[in-house]
Amino acid sequence: MSKTVRDTIKDRKQIYCISNQASVAEAARYLKDRAIRAAGVCNLSGKIIGVISQSDISDKVVAENYRPAEVTVASVATPDIVKISLDTLCEDALQTMHQRGIYHLAVEDDEGTFMGMISLRDCITLKVEEEHERAEMLADYAFPRY
């Protein structure tokens, strides 16, 4: 049975979102401290308005020799957010990331509330787990234990 984005993020205890007014240095520390590669960017009312990733930081700040402490997250975050719902199948999320050449998608519930991010790695991990379960089921069928 195909799994949904909900299956992937259901056990997460925190939604990662950084203020659009934070500096890029703060964002880099935020990502590093949480061992994540991207986070939502939220305005003062908590609404997601972009995504900041390690690639944004390295490509738009470090590679251009800007000072991370002097650049705001709002100025380098990706504003074109690709959003999916909790009920999106992981294989559809994978397809969306592949078609758009991105590695993270924002997840929203039915009311449009930001629920976090899902990554290419999350979806691939879930796909591997599904295939492992399928292989075990087929092995049990082909080689029953009497």
C-alpha atoms as a PDB file:
ATOM      1  CA  MET A   1       0.000   0.000   0.000  1.00  0.00           C
ATOM      2  CA  SER A   2       1.376   3.402  -0.958  1.00  0.00           C
ATOM      3  CA  LYS A   3       2.167   5.701   1.929  1.00  0.00           C
ATOM      4  CA  THR A   4       1.300   9.349   2.228  1.00  0.00           C
ATOM      5  CA  VAL A   5       3.185  12.400   3.378  1.00  0.00           C
ATOM      6  CA  ARG A   6       1.186  12.118   6.617  1.00  0.00           C
ATOM      7  CA  ASP A   7       2.834   8.722   7.238  1.00  0.00           C
ATOM      8  CA  THR A   8       6.236  10.343   6.884  1.00  0.00           C
ATOM      9  CA  ILE A   9       5.765  13.348   9.154  1.00  0.00           C
ATOM     10  CA  LYS A  10       3.256  12.018  11.713  1.00  0.00           C
ATOM     11  CA  ASP A  11       5.864  11.303  14.414  1.00  0.00           C
ATOM     12  CA  ARG A  12       7.728  14.583  14.133  1.00  0.00           C
ATOM     13  CA  LYS A  13       7.699  16.575  17.325  1.00  0.00           C
ATOM     14  CA  GLN A  14       8.636  19.972  15.899  1.00  0.00           C
ATOM     15  CA  ILE A  15       7.837  22.058  12.851  1.00  0.00           C
ATOM     16  CA  TYR A  16      10.945  23.871  11.650  1.00  0.00           C
ATOM     17  CA  CYS A  17      10.336  27.460  10.662  1.00  0.00           C
ATOM     18  CA  ILE A  18      12.659  30.437  10.991  1.00  0.00           C
ATOM     19  CA  SER A  19      11.759  34.108  11.027  1.00  0.00           C
ATOM     20  CA  ASN A  20      12.139  36.033   7.797  1.00  0.00           C
ATOM     21  CA  GLN A  21      13.895  38.731   9.855  1.00  0.00           C
ATOM     22  CA  ALA A  22      16.648  36.397  11.108  1.00  0.00           C
ATOM     23  CA  SER A  23      20.115  36.696   9.663  1.00  0.00           C
ATOM     24  CA  VAL A  24      21.492  34.060   7.321  1.00  0.00           C
ATOM     25  CA  ALA A  25      24.106  33.241   9.979  1.00  0.00           C
ATOM     26  CA  GLU A  26      21.274  32.483  12.419  1.00  0.00           C
ATOM     27  CA  ALA A  27      19.533  30.379   9.768  1.00  0.00           C
ATOM     28  CA  ALA A  28      22.700  28.395   9.085  1.00  0.00           C
ATOM     29  CA  ARG A  29      23.085  27.713  12.806  1.00  0.00           C
ATOM     30  CA  TYR A  30      19.386  26.808  13.060  1.00  0.00           C
ATOM     31  CA  LEU A  31      19.716  24.227  10.262  1.00  0.00           C
ATOM     32  CA  LYS A  32      22.997  22.848  11.635  1.00  0.00           C
ATOM     33  CA  ASP A  33      21.759  22.537  15.223  1.00  0.00           C
ATOM     34  CA  ARG A  34      18.718  20.565  14.083  1.00  0.00           C
ATOM     35  CA  ALA A  35      20.575  18.490  11.477  1.00  0.00           C
ATOM     36  CA  ILE A  36      18.182  19.564   8.720  1.00  0.00           C
ATOM     37  CA  ARG A  37      18.906  20.894   5.248  1.00  0.00           C
ATOM     38  CA  ALA A  38      15.901  23.221   4.843  1.00  0.00           C
ATOM     39  CA  ALA A  39      13.227  24.977   6.877  1.00  0.00           C
ATOM     40  CA  GLY A  40      10.179  27.079   6.277  1.00  0.00           C
ATOM     41  CA  VAL A  41      10.516  30.853   6.493  1.00  0.00           C
ATOM     42  CA  CYS A  42       7.683  32.453   8.426  1.00  0.00           C
ATOM     43  CA  ASN A  43       6.565  36.045   8.825  1.00  0.00           C
ATOM     44  CA  LEU A  44       5.708  37.595  12.176  1.00  0.00           C
ATOM     45  CA  SER A  45       2.192  36.121  12.086  1.00  0.00           C
ATOM     46  CA  GLY A  46       3.620  32.613  11.626  1.00  0.00           C
ATOM     47  CA  LYS A  47       2.580  32.185   7.993  1.00  0.00           C
ATOM     48  CA  ILE A  48       5.061  30.436   5.709  1.00  0.00           C
ATOM     49  CA  ILE A  49       6.363  32.815   3.067  1.00  0.00           C
ATOM     50  CA  GLY A  50       9.395  30.957   1.771  1.00  0.00           C
ATOM     51  CA  VAL A  51      11.921  28.198   2.223  1.00  0.00           C
ATOM     52  CA  ILE A  52      15.566  28.524   3.239  1.00  0.00           C
ATOM     53  CA  SER A  53      17.981  25.732   2.437  1.00  0.00           C
ATOM     54  CA  GLN A  54      21.675  25.100   2.798  1.00  0.00           C
ATOM     55  CA  SER A  55      21.909  25.579  -0.966  1.00  0.00           C
ATOM     56  CA  ASP A  56      20.368  29.052  -0.680  1.00  0.00           C
ATOM     57  CA  ILE A  57      22.946  29.954   1.947  1.00  0.00           C
ATOM     58  CA  SER A  58      25.935  28.587   0.057  1.00  0.00           C
ATOM     59  CA  ASP A  59      24.887  29.767  -3.420  1.00  0.00           C
ATOM     60  CA  LYS A  60      23.372  33.163  -2.644  1.00  0.00           C
ATOM     61  CA  VAL A  61      25.473  34.303   0.299  1.00  0.00           C
ATOM     62  CA  VAL A  62      28.752  32.442   0.759  1.00  0.00           C
ATOM     63  CA  ALA A  63      29.575  32.038  -2.953  1.00  0.00           C
ATOM     64  CA  GLU A  64      28.865  35.740  -3.498  1.00  0.00           C
ATOM     65  CA  ASN A  65      31.133  36.666  -0.566  1.00  0.00           C
ATOM     66  CA  TYR A  66      28.363  38.376   1.424  1.00  0.00           C
ATOM     67  CA  ARG A  67      28.500  38.435   5.196  1.00  0.00           C
ATOM     68  CA  PRO A  68      25.925  35.943   6.563  1.00  0.00           C
ATOM     69  CA  ALA A  69      25.405  37.992   9.731  1.00  0.00           C
ATOM     70  CA  GLU A  70      24.426  41.029   7.634  1.00  0.00           C
ATOM     71  CA  VAL A  71      22.035  39.332   5.195  1.00  0.00           C
ATOM     72  CA  THR A  72      18.431  38.595   6.151  1.00  0.00           C
ATOM     73  CA  VAL A  73      16.740  35.293   5.510  1.00  0.00           C
ATOM     74  CA  ALA A  74      13.978  37.133   3.629  1.00  0.00           C
ATOM     75  CA  SER A  75      16.463  38.368   1.040  1.00  0.00           C
ATOM     76  CA  VAL A  76      17.758  34.917   0.055  1.00  0.00           C
ATOM     77  CA  ALA A  77      14.914  32.502   0.837  1.00  0.00           C
ATOM     78  CA  THR A  78      13.125  30.872  -2.061  1.00  0.00           C
ATOM     79  CA  PRO A  79       9.732  32.620  -2.246  1.00  0.00           C
ATOM     80  CA  ASP A  80       8.120  30.217  -4.722  1.00  0.00           C
ATOM     81  CA  ILE A  81       6.922  27.594  -2.261  1.00  0.00           C
ATOM     82  CA  VAL A  82       5.815  24.270  -3.669  1.00  0.00           C
ATOM     83  CA  LYS A  83       3.143  23.010  -1.291  1.00  0.00           C
ATOM     84  CA  ILE A  84       1.547  19.610  -0.921  1.00  0.00           C
ATOM     85  CA  SER A  85      -1.109  18.209   1.386  1.00  0.00           C
ATOM     86  CA  LEU A  86      -0.783  15.608   4.103  1.00  0.00           C
ATOM     87  CA  ASP A  87      -2.708  13.154   1.920  1.00  0.00           C
ATOM     88  CA  THR A  88      -0.315  13.391  -1.034  1.00  0.00           C
ATOM     89  CA  LEU A  89       1.239  10.029  -1.858  1.00  0.00           C
ATOM     90  CA  CYS A  90       4.991   9.967  -1.295  1.00  0.00           C
ATOM     91  CA  GLU A  91       5.528   8.761  -4.842  1.00  0.00           C
ATOM     92  CA  ASP A  92       3.613  11.832  -6.086  1.00  0.00           C
ATOM     93  CA  ALA A  93       5.772  14.052  -3.852  1.00  0.00           C
ATOM     94  CA  LEU A  94       8.869  12.401  -5.362  1.00  0.00           C
ATOM     95  CA  GLN A  95       7.529  13.063  -8.850  1.00  0.00           C
ATOM     96  CA  THR A  96       6.869  16.720  -8.007  1.00  0.00           C
ATOM     97  CA  MET A  97      10.396  17.184  -6.654  1.00  0.00           C
ATOM     98  CA  HIS A  98      11.869  15.485  -9.720  1.00  0.00           C
ATOM     99  CA  GLN A  99       9.831  17.568 -12.186  1.00  0.00           C
ATOM    100  CA  ARG A 100      10.734  20.835 -10.467  1.00  0.00           C
ATOM    101  CA  GLY A 101      14.352  19.976  -9.668  1.00  0.00           C
ATOM    102  CA  ILE A 102      13.922  20.596  -5.936  1.00  0.00           C
ATOM    103  CA  TYR A 103      14.659  18.590  -2.807  1.00  0.00           C
ATOM    104  CA  HIS A 104      12.043  19.841  -0.313  1.00  0.00           C
ATOM    105  CA  LEU A 105       8.303  20.490  -0.320  1.00  0.00           C
ATOM    106  CA  ALA A 106       6.208  22.433   2.181  1.00  0.00           C
ATOM    107  CA  VAL A 107       3.364  20.440   3.720  1.00  0.00           C
ATOM    108  CA  GLU A 108       0.041  22.042   4.644  1.00  0.00           C
ATOM    109  CA  ASP A 109      -3.096  20.646   6.234  1.00  0.00           C
ATOM    110  CA  ASP A 110      -6.590  21.168   4.797  1.00  0.00           C
ATOM    111  CA  GLU A 111      -6.846  24.611   6.438  1.00  0.00           C
ATOM    112  CA  GLY A 112      -3.557  25.775   4.907  1.00  0.00           C
ATOM    113  CA  THR A 113      -1.569  25.507   8.153  1.00  0.00           C
ATOM    114  CA  PHE A 114       2.131  24.824   7.653  1.00  0.00           C
ATOM    115  CA  MET A 115       2.896  21.322   8.945  1.00  0.00           C
ATOM    116  CA  GLY A 116       6.591  21.165   8.067  1.00  0.00           C
ATOM    117  CA  MET A 117       8.792  20.077   5.205  1.00  0.00           C
ATOM    118  CA  ILE A 118       9.246  16.773   3.439  1.00  0.00           C
ATOM    119  CA  SER A 119      12.476  15.992   1.654  1.00  0.00           C
ATOM    120  CA  LEU A 120      13.579  13.796  -1.175  1.00  0.00           C
ATOM    121  CA  ARG A 121      15.414  11.692   1.403  1.00  0.00           C
ATOM    122  CA  ASP A 122      12.222  11.269   3.482  1.00  0.00           C
ATOM    123  CA  CYS A 123      10.334   9.942   0.466  1.00  0.00           C
ATOM    124  CA  ILE A 124      13.133   7.659  -0.677  1.00  0.00           C
ATOM    125  CA  THR A 125      13.494   6.235   2.842  1.00  0.00           C
ATOM    126  CA  LEU A 126       9.762   5.495   2.941  1.00  0.00           C
ATOM    127  CA  LYS A 127       9.943   3.898  -0.513  1.00  0.00           C
ATOM    128  CA  VAL A 128      12.816   1.649   0.618  1.00  0.00           C
ATOM    129  CA  GLU A 129      10.795   0.612   3.685  1.00  0.00           C
ATOM    130  CA  GLU A 130       7.795  -0.218   1.467  1.00  0.00           C
ATOM    131  CA  GLU A 131       9.968  -2.327  -0.842  1.00  0.00           C
ATOM    132  CA  HIS A 132      11.516  -4.128   2.131  1.00  0.00           C
ATOM    133  CA  GLU A 133       8.031  -4.963   3.469  1.00  0.00           C
ATOM    134  CA  ARG A 134       6.998  -6.173   0.024  1.00  0.00           C
ATOM    135  CA  ALA A 135      10.117  -8.354  -0.281  1.00  0.00           C
ATOM    136  CA  GLU A 136       9.426  -9.914   3.131  1.00  0.00           C
ATOM    137  CA  MET A 137       5.823 -10.613   2.167  1.00  0.00           C
ATOM    138  CA  LEU A 138       6.892 -12.257  -1.092  1.00  0.00           C
ATOM    139  CA  ALA A 139       9.575 -14.294   0.670  1.00  0.00           C
ATOM    140  CA  ASP A 140       7.021 -15.521   3.214  1.00  0.00           C
ATOM    141  CA  TYR A 141       4.691 -16.486   0.372  1.00  0.00           C
ATOM    142  CA  ALA A 142       7.387 -18.189  -1.708  1.00  0.00           C
ATOM    143  CA  PHE A 143       9.124 -19.877   1.221  1.00  0.00           C
ATOM    144  CA  PRO A 144       6.503 -20.605   3.882  1.00  0.00           C
ATOM    145  CA  ARG A 145       7.710 -21.610   7.312  1.00  0.00           C
ATOM    146  CA  TYR A 146       6.004 -24.814   8.393  1.00  0.00           C
END
